[in-house]
């Protein structure tokens, strides 16, 4: 379950060949060869990671929003194990960033997830919707995007685990004094008000509780 998504795609950069009209010095000439200035690194160099400069600052903070880190879907109104259809859990998020000078911050993310199929499930697959939000530190989101993940449980299996890859996030910076420490990147499941209330109540069914579990763990 290694799916790759793009939050922001950089525009293609046109490349052009150029020729110099300057004549090369004759091998018999006593004139010293002209010094060649080193080529400035362009956006392609930075994109390919060939820029040796260190990052201009720390990476944005990463986290799974606690209230949205779990999903429990019930059939019916009773919150009991027999009514659990599907569960999901985000177990962690990690990432890498790159930015120098006044360049925007470019990040990649990997989100660890686990999923369960309960006794009330009517099918072997479910589409889980989750979101990735870029926020100013301790402020409202700057950008929030949603993704759909189709999880198919093999015959006889009631648990799945894997990771989702967000290949590129681009965070513009107003100037070179703005560092990654000014931003946070949060992830979570898209939940109904009832599912959110269930999480906030402190109740939980563990993801590894499924149709084949001999000793289901009830909510706390």
Protein backbone atom coordinates (compact mmCIF):
# COMPACT_ATOMS: atom_id res chain seq x y z
CA UNK A 1 0.00 0.00 0.00
CA UNK A 2 2.67 2.49 -1.09
CA UNK A 3 0.64 5.07 -2.96
CA UNK A 4 2.24 8.27 -4.13
CA UNK A 5 0.42 11.60 -4.21
CA UNK A 6 1.45 15.09 -5.21
CA UNK A 7 0.16 18.05 -3.22
CA UNK A 8 1.92 20.58 -5.40
CA UNK A 9 3.59 19.98 -8.77
CA UNK A 10 6.27 22.35 -9.94
CA UNK A 11 5.79 23.88 -13.38
CA UNK A 12 8.00 22.55 -16.13
CA UNK A 13 11.11 24.63 -16.67
CA UNK A 14 12.09 25.20 -20.33
CA UNK A 15 15.69 24.49 -21.17
CA UNK A 16 17.54 26.12 -24.07
CA UNK A 17 20.96 25.44 -25.54
CA UNK A 18 23.18 28.48 -25.99
CA UNK A 19 26.34 28.95 -27.98
CA UNK A 20 29.10 31.46 -27.45
CA UNK A 21 30.38 33.62 -30.28
CA UNK A 22 33.74 34.11 -28.59
CA UNK A 23 36.66 32.54 -30.47
CA UNK A 24 38.77 30.08 -28.54
CA UNK A 25 42.40 31.19 -28.03
CA UNK A 26 44.84 29.77 -30.54
CA UNK A 27 47.09 26.99 -29.22
CA UNK A 28 50.09 29.12 -30.32
CA UNK A 29 48.94 32.20 -28.45
CA UNK A 30 50.80 33.34 -25.36
CA UNK A 31 47.64 34.80 -23.87
CA UNK A 32 46.51 33.06 -20.70
CA UNK A 33 43.28 31.08 -21.00
CA UNK A 34 40.19 32.98 -19.94
CA UNK A 35 38.86 31.97 -16.54
CA UNK A 36 35.47 30.31 -16.68
CA UNK A 37 33.07 31.42 -13.97
CA UNK A 38 31.33 28.55 -12.17
CA UNK A 39 27.77 27.97 -13.33
CA UNK A 40 25.10 29.09 -10.92
CA UNK A 41 22.87 26.32 -9.67
CA UNK A 42 19.38 26.51 -11.11
CA UNK A 43 16.01 25.11 -10.05
CA UNK A 44 16.73 21.78 -11.76
CA UNK A 45 19.89 21.36 -9.66
CA UNK A 46 17.96 22.07 -6.49
CA UNK A 47 15.10 19.78 -7.47
CA UNK A 48 17.52 16.93 -8.13
CA UNK A 49 19.23 17.50 -4.81
CA UNK A 50 22.59 18.54 -6.28
CA UNK A 51 22.75 21.74 -4.24
CA UNK A 52 25.30 21.17 -1.45
CA UNK A 53 24.11 24.14 0.62
CA UNK A 54 22.66 23.24 4.03
CA UNK A 55 19.00 23.96 4.70
CA UNK A 56 18.28 27.56 5.61
CA UNK A 57 16.55 26.39 8.79
CA UNK A 58 14.68 23.51 10.47
CA UNK A 59 11.92 21.51 8.83
CA UNK A 60 8.26 22.16 9.70
CA UNK A 61 6.88 20.22 12.64
CA UNK A 62 4.97 17.04 11.71
CA UNK A 63 2.17 15.39 13.61
CA UNK A 64 -1.00 13.30 13.58
CA UNK A 65 -3.93 15.26 15.02
CA UNK A 66 -4.96 13.18 18.03
CA UNK A 67 -8.73 13.65 17.70
CA UNK A 68 -8.58 12.55 14.04
CA UNK A 69 -5.99 9.79 14.36
CA UNK A 70 -8.55 6.96 14.59
CA UNK A 71 -11.68 6.00 12.71
CA UNK A 72 -14.31 3.59 14.00
CA UNK A 73 -17.33 2.92 11.81
CA UNK A 74 -20.39 1.35 13.43
CA UNK A 75 -23.51 -0.10 11.88
CA UNK A 76 -26.44 0.89 14.03
CA UNK A 77 -26.40 3.17 17.04
CA UNK A 78 -24.92 0.87 19.70
CA UNK A 79 -21.16 1.29 20.24
CA UNK A 80 -20.35 -2.38 20.70
CA UNK A 81 -17.94 -4.76 19.03
CA UNK A 82 -20.61 -6.67 17.10
CA UNK A 83 -21.51 -3.41 15.31
CA UNK A 84 -17.97 -2.48 14.23
CA UNK A 85 -17.69 -2.43 10.43
CA UNK A 86 -14.27 -0.87 9.82
CA UNK A 87 -11.51 0.80 11.80
CA UNK A 88 -8.49 2.87 10.86
CA UNK A 89 -5.54 4.32 12.70
CA UNK A 90 -2.74 6.71 11.81
CA UNK A 91 0.32 5.53 13.70
CA UNK A 92 2.85 8.17 12.74
CA UNK A 93 4.15 10.57 10.14
CA UNK A 94 7.69 11.41 9.09
CA UNK A 95 9.21 13.50 6.36
CA UNK A 96 12.14 15.30 4.80
CA UNK A 97 12.46 18.92 3.76
CA UNK A 98 14.75 20.99 1.57
CA UNK A 99 15.11 24.77 1.17
CA UNK A 100 17.93 27.25 0.69
CA UNK A 101 18.10 30.99 0.18
CA UNK A 102 14.67 32.32 -0.69
CA UNK A 103 13.47 29.02 -2.21
CA UNK A 104 10.13 27.59 -1.04
CA UNK A 105 10.18 24.69 1.39
CA UNK A 106 9.82 21.35 -0.42
CA UNK A 107 8.78 18.37 1.66
CA UNK A 108 7.93 14.70 1.27
CA UNK A 109 5.83 12.77 3.80
CA UNK A 110 5.24 9.14 4.71
CA UNK A 111 2.20 8.32 6.84
CA UNK A 112 1.98 4.96 8.63
CA UNK A 113 -1.57 3.59 8.76
CA UNK A 114 -3.36 0.44 9.88
CA UNK A 115 -6.88 -0.74 9.07
CA UNK A 116 -9.29 -3.32 10.45
CA UNK A 117 -12.45 -5.04 9.25
CA UNK A 118 -14.99 -5.81 11.96
CA UNK A 119 -17.82 -8.36 12.28
CA UNK A 120 -20.42 -5.93 10.89
CA UNK A 121 -18.57 -5.28 7.62
CA UNK A 122 -20.71 -6.05 4.58
CA UNK A 123 -17.87 -6.04 2.05
CA UNK A 124 -14.12 -6.54 1.80
CA UNK A 125 -13.13 -2.99 0.92
CA UNK A 126 -13.57 0.54 2.16
CA UNK A 127 -12.53 3.98 0.94
CA UNK A 128 -10.84 5.89 3.75
CA UNK A 129 -10.63 9.66 3.35
CA UNK A 130 -7.81 11.50 5.07
CA UNK A 131 -6.39 15.02 4.93
CA UNK A 132 -3.05 16.81 5.04
CA UNK A 133 -3.01 20.37 6.38
CA UNK A 134 -0.26 22.98 6.31
CA UNK A 135 -0.67 25.51 9.10
CA UNK A 136 1.16 28.48 10.48
CA UNK A 137 2.48 27.49 13.90
CA UNK A 138 -0.47 27.53 16.32
CA UNK A 139 -2.73 29.22 13.76
CA UNK A 140 -5.46 28.22 11.31
CA UNK A 141 -4.58 26.03 8.31
CA UNK A 142 -2.95 27.70 5.32
CA UNK A 143 -3.88 24.81 3.02
CA UNK A 144 -5.79 21.56 3.52
CA UNK A 145 -6.19 18.81 0.96
CA UNK A 146 -8.15 15.57 1.05
CA UNK A 147 -7.19 12.16 -0.32
CA UNK A 148 -9.16 8.95 -0.81
CA UNK A 149 -7.49 5.63 -0.10
CA UNK A 150 -9.19 2.42 -1.24
CA UNK A 151 -8.28 -0.44 1.10
CA UNK A 152 -9.13 -3.96 -0.04
CA UNK A 153 -8.89 -6.75 2.50
CA UNK A 154 -7.74 -10.10 1.05
CA UNK A 155 -10.06 -13.05 1.56
CA UNK A 156 -9.85 -14.25 5.14
CA UNK A 157 -7.89 -11.19 6.33
CA UNK A 158 -9.28 -8.54 8.64
CA UNK A 159 -6.19 -6.37 9.14
CA UNK A 160 -4.03 -4.30 6.82
CA UNK A 161 -1.10 -1.98 7.43
CA UNK A 162 1.14 0.12 5.24
CA UNK A 163 2.20 3.64 4.44
CA UNK A 164 1.00 6.46 2.23
CA UNK A 165 3.57 8.68 0.51
CA UNK A 166 3.00 12.36 -0.19
CA UNK A 167 5.76 12.95 -2.69
CA UNK A 168 5.88 16.72 -2.70
CA UNK A 169 4.55 19.59 -0.60
CA UNK A 170 5.67 23.09 -1.55
CA UNK A 171 5.36 25.85 1.05
CA UNK A 172 6.13 29.35 -0.29
CA UNK A 173 8.16 31.73 1.89
CA UNK A 174 7.81 35.50 1.84
CA UNK A 175 11.56 35.95 2.29
CA UNK A 176 14.68 34.18 3.52
CA UNK A 177 13.93 35.02 7.17
CA UNK A 178 10.93 32.65 7.20
CA UNK A 179 12.05 29.19 8.29
CA UNK A 180 10.29 25.86 8.47
CA UNK A 181 9.80 26.40 12.20
CA UNK A 182 6.97 28.80 11.29
CA UNK A 183 4.87 25.95 9.86
CA UNK A 184 3.26 22.71 11.00
CA UNK A 185 2.02 19.83 8.86
CA UNK A 186 -0.81 17.80 10.39
CA UNK A 187 -2.57 14.69 9.09
CA UNK A 188 -5.78 12.95 10.13
CA UNK A 189 -8.86 11.04 8.99
CA UNK A 190 -11.92 12.86 7.67
CA UNK A 191 -14.50 11.97 10.33
CA UNK A 192 -18.21 12.44 10.88
CA UNK A 193 -19.26 14.44 13.97
CA UNK A 194 -20.23 11.16 15.64
CA UNK A 195 -16.84 9.56 14.93
CA UNK A 196 -15.06 12.64 16.22
CA UNK A 197 -17.14 12.60 19.41
CA UNK A 198 -16.31 8.91 19.89
CA UNK A 199 -12.59 9.67 19.73
CA UNK A 200 -12.85 12.64 22.08
CA UNK A 201 -14.74 10.56 24.62
CA UNK A 202 -11.67 8.38 25.10
CA UNK A 203 -13.41 5.20 23.92
CA UNK A 204 -11.64 3.02 21.41
CA UNK A 205 -11.65 -0.27 19.55
CA UNK A 206 -8.13 -1.25 18.59
CA UNK A 207 -7.34 -1.61 14.90
CA UNK A 208 -6.12 -5.16 15.41
CA UNK A 209 -9.55 -6.20 16.63
CA UNK A 210 -11.30 -7.77 13.66
CA UNK A 211 -13.75 -10.47 12.70
CA UNK A 212 -11.24 -13.21 13.48
CA UNK A 213 -10.15 -11.91 16.89
CA UNK A 214 -11.07 -14.40 19.62
CA UNK A 215 -11.01 -11.83 22.44
CA UNK A 216 -12.27 -8.46 21.23
CA UNK A 217 -11.36 -5.45 23.33
CA UNK A 218 -14.43 -3.36 24.20
CA UNK A 219 -14.33 0.42 24.39
CA UNK A 220 -12.86 1.91 27.54
